[in-house]
Amino acid sequence: MAKSINYKKSLIERLKNPKEAAAYLNAALEDEDIRIFLVALRDIAEAHGGVSYLAKEADLNRESLYRTLSLQGNPTIINLFLILDVLGLELNIKAAT
């Protein structure tokens, strides 16, 4: 029998790649529930050293960042830009079609 691969570990490994991370976040934005985006952002943070590392690099409070990236989170736009910058990502706006 073939050995199974842990989905979460496989996902975290793929999210280390900036292109994979960007595609993952874009897919999350397509969901009607914006909280899915926050969960996706937390997964990417985990792939890049975890929330503690992200908080340190973005100069944000660790406990506050855990709450921000939870299902109940509500990040400010400034914090979102700080987080994306640390993760090597950027936000782009396009015209709605």
N, C-alpha and C. Protein backbone atom coordinates (compact mmCIF):
# COMPACT_ATOMS: atom_id res chain seq x y z
N MET A 1 0.84 -1.18 0.00
CA MET A 1 0.00 0.00 0.00
C MET A 1 0.90 1.25 0.00
N ALA A 2 0.53 2.24 -0.79
CA ALA A 2 1.31 3.47 -0.90
C ALA A 2 1.20 4.29 0.38
N LYS A 3 2.29 4.91 0.73
CA LYS A 3 2.32 5.75 1.93
C LYS A 3 1.57 7.05 1.64
N SER A 4 0.67 7.43 2.55
CA SER A 4 -0.09 8.66 2.34
C SER A 4 0.73 9.87 2.81
N ILE A 5 0.41 11.01 2.24
CA ILE A 5 1.10 12.25 2.58
C ILE A 5 0.16 13.11 3.41
N ASN A 6 0.66 13.65 4.50
CA ASN A 6 -0.13 14.53 5.35
C ASN A 6 -0.46 15.80 4.57
N TYR A 7 -1.76 16.08 4.41
CA TYR A 7 -2.19 17.22 3.60
C TYR A 7 -1.64 18.53 4.13
N LYS A 8 -1.76 18.77 5.43
CA LYS A 8 -1.33 20.04 6.01
C LYS A 8 0.18 20.25 5.81
N LYS A 9 0.97 19.21 6.05
CA LYS A 9 2.42 19.33 5.84
C LYS A 9 2.74 19.62 4.39
N SER A 10 2.05 18.95 3.49
CA SER A 10 2.26 19.16 2.06
C SER A 10 1.88 20.59 1.66
N LEU A 11 0.75 21.06 2.19
CA LEU A 11 0.30 22.42 1.90
C LEU A 11 1.33 23.44 2.39
N ILE A 12 1.77 23.30 3.63
CA ILE A 12 2.72 24.24 4.22
C ILE A 12 4.01 24.26 3.40
N GLU A 13 4.45 23.11 2.95
CA GLU A 13 5.67 23.05 2.13
C GLU A 13 5.48 23.80 0.81
N ARG A 14 4.33 23.62 0.17
CA ARG A 14 4.06 24.31 -1.10
C ARG A 14 3.95 25.81 -0.92
N LEU A 15 3.42 26.24 0.24
CA LEU A 15 3.20 27.66 0.48
C LEU A 15 4.49 28.43 0.75
N LYS A 16 5.60 27.76 0.82
CA LYS A 16 6.90 28.43 0.94
C LYS A 16 7.26 29.11 -0.37
N ASN A 17 6.68 28.64 -1.46
CA ASN A 17 6.90 29.21 -2.78
C ASN A 17 5.98 30.43 -2.93
N PRO A 18 6.53 31.63 -3.19
CA PRO A 18 5.71 32.84 -3.29
C PRO A 18 4.60 32.75 -4.34
N LYS A 19 4.85 32.10 -5.45
CA LYS A 19 3.81 31.98 -6.48
C LYS A 19 2.67 31.09 -6.01
N GLU A 20 3.00 30.01 -5.31
CA GLU A 20 1.98 29.13 -4.74
C GLU A 20 1.18 29.88 -3.67
N ALA A 21 1.88 30.64 -2.84
CA ALA A 21 1.23 31.40 -1.78
C ALA A 21 0.27 32.43 -2.37
N ALA A 22 0.70 33.13 -3.41
CA ALA A 22 -0.14 34.13 -4.05
C ALA A 22 -1.39 33.48 -4.66
N ALA A 23 -1.22 32.35 -5.32
CA ALA A 23 -2.36 31.65 -5.91
C ALA A 23 -3.32 31.17 -4.82
N TYR A 24 -2.79 30.72 -3.71
CA TYR A 24 -3.60 30.26 -2.58
C TYR A 24 -4.43 31.42 -2.01
N LEU A 25 -3.81 32.58 -1.83
CA LEU A 25 -4.54 33.74 -1.32
C LEU A 25 -5.59 34.22 -2.32
N ASN A 26 -5.25 34.23 -3.60
CA ASN A 26 -6.23 34.64 -4.61
C ASN A 26 -7.42 33.69 -4.63
N ALA A 27 -7.18 32.41 -4.49
CA ALA A 27 -8.28 31.45 -4.44
C ALA A 27 -9.14 31.70 -3.20
N ALA A 28 -8.50 32.02 -2.09
CA ALA A 28 -9.23 32.29 -0.85
C ALA A 28 -10.11 33.54 -1.00
N LEU A 29 -9.63 34.52 -1.74
CA LEU A 29 -10.42 35.75 -1.97
C LEU A 29 -11.67 35.50 -2.80
N GLU A 30 -11.67 34.42 -3.56
CA GLU A 30 -12.84 34.10 -4.38
C GLU A 30 -13.99 33.56 -3.55
N ASP A 31 -13.71 33.12 -2.34
CA ASP A 31 -14.76 32.63 -1.45
C ASP A 31 -15.59 33.80 -0.93
N GLU A 32 -16.87 33.61 -0.78
CA GLU A 32 -17.74 34.67 -0.25
C GLU A 32 -17.42 35.02 1.20
N ASP A 33 -16.85 34.09 1.92
CA ASP A 33 -16.52 34.29 3.33
C ASP A 33 -15.09 34.81 3.44
N ILE A 34 -14.92 36.09 3.77
CA ILE A 34 -13.59 36.71 3.83
C ILE A 34 -12.72 36.06 4.90
N ARG A 35 -13.33 35.38 5.86
CA ARG A 35 -12.55 34.72 6.90
C ARG A 35 -11.65 33.64 6.31
N ILE A 36 -12.02 33.10 5.17
CA ILE A 36 -11.20 32.08 4.50
C ILE A 36 -9.85 32.70 4.11
N PHE A 37 -9.85 33.96 3.72
CA PHE A 37 -8.62 34.66 3.39
C PHE A 37 -7.70 34.72 4.60
N LEU A 38 -8.26 35.00 5.77
CA LEU A 38 -7.45 35.09 6.99
C LEU A 38 -6.84 33.74 7.35
N VAL A 39 -7.59 32.67 7.17
CA VAL A 39 -7.06 31.32 7.43
C VAL A 39 -5.94 31.01 6.45
N ALA A 40 -6.13 31.39 5.19
CA ALA A 40 -5.10 31.17 4.18
C ALA A 40 -3.84 31.96 4.51
N LEU A 41 -4.02 33.19 4.96
CA LEU A 41 -2.88 34.02 5.35
C LEU A 41 -2.14 33.41 6.53
N ARG A 42 -2.88 32.83 7.44
CA ARG A 42 -2.25 32.17 8.60
C ARG A 42 -1.47 30.93 8.15
N ASP A 43 -2.02 30.18 7.19
CA ASP A 43 -1.30 29.01 6.65
C ASP A 43 0.03 29.46 6.03
N ILE A 44 0.00 30.56 5.30
CA ILE A 44 1.22 31.06 4.66
C ILE A 44 2.20 31.53 5.72
N ALA A 45 1.69 32.17 6.76
CA ALA A 45 2.56 32.59 7.87
C ALA A 45 3.24 31.38 8.49
N GLU A 46 2.49 30.30 8.67
CA GLU A 46 3.06 29.07 9.22
C GLU A 46 4.18 28.53 8.33
N ALA A 47 3.99 28.63 7.04
CA ALA A 47 5.00 28.15 6.09
C ALA A 47 6.28 28.98 6.14
N HIS A 48 6.18 30.20 6.64
CA HIS A 48 7.32 31.11 6.68
C HIS A 48 7.86 31.32 8.09
N GLY A 49 7.65 30.37 8.96
CA GLY A 49 8.24 30.47 10.29
C GLY A 49 7.24 30.64 11.41
N GLY A 50 5.97 30.77 11.09
CA GLY A 50 4.95 30.87 12.11
C GLY A 50 4.55 32.30 12.44
N VAL A 51 3.50 32.41 13.21
CA VAL A 51 2.95 33.72 13.56
C VAL A 51 3.92 34.50 14.44
N SER A 52 4.63 33.83 15.32
CA SER A 52 5.60 34.53 16.17
C SER A 52 6.69 35.19 15.33
N TYR A 53 7.21 34.46 14.36
CA TYR A 53 8.23 35.01 13.46
C TYR A 53 7.65 36.19 12.67
N LEU A 54 6.44 36.01 12.14
CA LEU A 54 5.80 37.05 11.36
C LEU A 54 5.58 38.31 12.20
N ALA A 55 5.13 38.13 13.44
CA ALA A 55 4.90 39.28 14.32
C ALA A 55 6.20 40.04 14.56
N LYS A 56 7.27 39.30 14.80
CA LYS A 56 8.56 39.94 15.06
C LYS A 56 9.02 40.73 13.83
N GLU A 57 8.95 40.11 12.67
CA GLU A 57 9.43 40.75 11.44
C GLU A 57 8.58 41.94 11.03
N ALA A 58 7.27 41.87 11.31
CA ALA A 58 6.36 42.96 10.94
C ALA A 58 6.23 43.99 12.06
N ASP A 59 6.91 43.74 13.17
CA ASP A 59 6.85 44.62 14.34
C ASP A 59 5.42 44.79 14.83
N LEU A 60 4.73 43.63 14.96
CA LEU A 60 3.36 43.59 15.46
C LEU A 60 3.32 42.75 16.74
N ASN A 61 2.31 42.98 17.56
CA ASN A 61 2.12 42.21 18.78
C ASN A 61 1.70 40.78 18.41
N ARG A 62 2.40 39.80 18.96
CA ARG A 62 2.16 38.40 18.60
C ARG A 62 0.73 37.96 18.93
N GLU A 63 0.25 38.26 20.14
CA GLU A 63 -1.08 37.84 20.54
C GLU A 63 -2.15 38.49 19.66
N SER A 64 -1.93 39.76 19.36
CA SER A 64 -2.87 40.48 18.50
C SER A 64 -2.87 39.89 17.09
N LEU A 65 -1.70 39.49 16.62
CA LEU A 65 -1.61 38.91 15.28
C LEU A 65 -2.31 37.54 15.23
N TYR A 66 -2.19 36.75 16.29
CA TYR A 66 -2.93 35.48 16.34
C TYR A 66 -4.43 35.74 16.20
N ARG A 67 -4.93 36.75 16.92
CA ARG A 67 -6.36 37.08 16.84
C ARG A 67 -6.71 37.61 15.44
N THR A 68 -5.84 38.43 14.89
CA THR A 68 -6.07 39.00 13.56
C THR A 68 -6.21 37.92 12.51
N LEU A 69 -5.41 36.87 12.62
CA LEU A 69 -5.42 35.80 11.61
C LEU A 69 -6.35 34.65 11.98
N SER A 70 -7.24 34.89 12.92
CA SER A 70 -8.23 33.87 13.29
C SER A 70 -9.50 34.08 12.47
N LEU A 71 -10.44 33.16 12.61
CA LEU A 71 -11.71 33.29 11.89
C LEU A 71 -12.47 34.54 12.31
N GLN A 72 -12.21 35.06 13.50
CA GLN A 72 -12.88 36.26 13.98
C GLN A 72 -12.04 37.52 13.72
N GLY A 73 -10.91 37.37 13.06
CA GLY A 73 -9.97 38.48 12.86
C GLY A 73 -10.52 39.57 11.96
N ASN A 74 -9.92 40.74 12.11
CA ASN A 74 -10.30 41.89 11.30
C ASN A 74 -9.07 42.79 11.16
N PRO A 75 -8.12 42.42 10.30
CA PRO A 75 -6.88 43.18 10.21
C PRO A 75 -7.09 44.57 9.61
N THR A 76 -6.32 45.51 10.09
CA THR A 76 -6.32 46.83 9.45
C THR A 76 -5.57 46.70 8.13
N ILE A 77 -5.80 47.62 7.24
CA ILE A 77 -5.12 47.58 5.95
C ILE A 77 -3.62 47.75 6.13
N ILE A 78 -3.21 48.55 7.11
CA ILE A 78 -1.78 48.74 7.37
C ILE A 78 -1.15 47.43 7.82
N ASN A 79 -1.81 46.73 8.74
CA ASN A 79 -1.27 45.45 9.20
C ASN A 79 -1.24 44.43 8.08
N LEU A 80 -2.26 44.45 7.23
CA LEU A 80 -2.28 43.53 6.10
C LEU A 80 -1.09 43.78 5.19
N PHE A 81 -0.78 45.03 4.90
CA PHE A 81 0.37 45.35 4.06
C PHE A 81 1.68 44.94 4.74
N LEU A 82 1.79 45.15 6.04
CA LEU A 82 2.99 44.73 6.78
C LEU A 82 3.18 43.22 6.70
N ILE A 83 2.10 42.49 6.91
CA ILE A 83 2.14 41.02 6.87
C ILE A 83 2.55 40.54 5.47
N LEU A 84 1.89 41.08 4.45
CA LEU A 84 2.20 40.66 3.08
C LEU A 84 3.64 40.98 2.72
N ASP A 85 4.14 42.13 3.18
CA ASP A 85 5.52 42.50 2.89
C ASP A 85 6.50 41.49 3.48
N VAL A 86 6.29 41.10 4.72
CA VAL A 86 7.17 40.12 5.36
C VAL A 86 7.12 38.79 4.61
N LEU A 87 5.95 38.44 4.09
CA LEU A 87 5.79 37.17 3.38
C LEU A 87 6.26 37.24 1.93
N GLY A 88 6.72 38.41 1.50
CA GLY A 88 7.19 38.56 0.12
C GLY A 88 6.06 38.63 -0.88
N LEU A 89 4.91 39.14 -0.44
CA LEU A 89 3.74 39.23 -1.31
C LEU A 89 3.27 40.68 -1.37
N GLU A 90 2.45 40.98 -2.35
CA GLU A 90 1.88 42.32 -2.47
C GLU A 90 0.44 42.22 -2.91
N LEU A 91 -0.30 43.27 -2.65
CA LEU A 91 -1.71 43.34 -3.00
C LEU A 91 -1.85 44.11 -4.30
N ASN A 92 -2.63 43.59 -5.23
CA ASN A 92 -2.89 44.28 -6.51
C ASN A 92 -4.39 44.43 -6.68
N ILE A 93 -4.79 45.55 -7.23
CA ILE A 93 -6.18 45.83 -7.48
C ILE A 93 -6.42 45.78 -8.98
N LYS A 94 -7.56 45.20 -9.38
CA LYS A 94 -7.89 45.19 -10.80
C LYS A 94 -9.35 45.60 -10.95
N ALA A 95 -9.69 46.03 -12.13
CA ALA A 95 -11.07 46.44 -12.41
C ALA A 95 -11.98 45.22 -12.37
N ALA A 96 -13.14 45.41 -11.78
CA ALA A 96 -14.12 44.34 -11.76
C ALA A 96 -14.66 44.14 -13.17
N THR A 97 -14.91 42.89 -13.51
CA THR A 97 -15.42 42.63 -14.85
C THR A 97 -16.87 42.26 -14.82
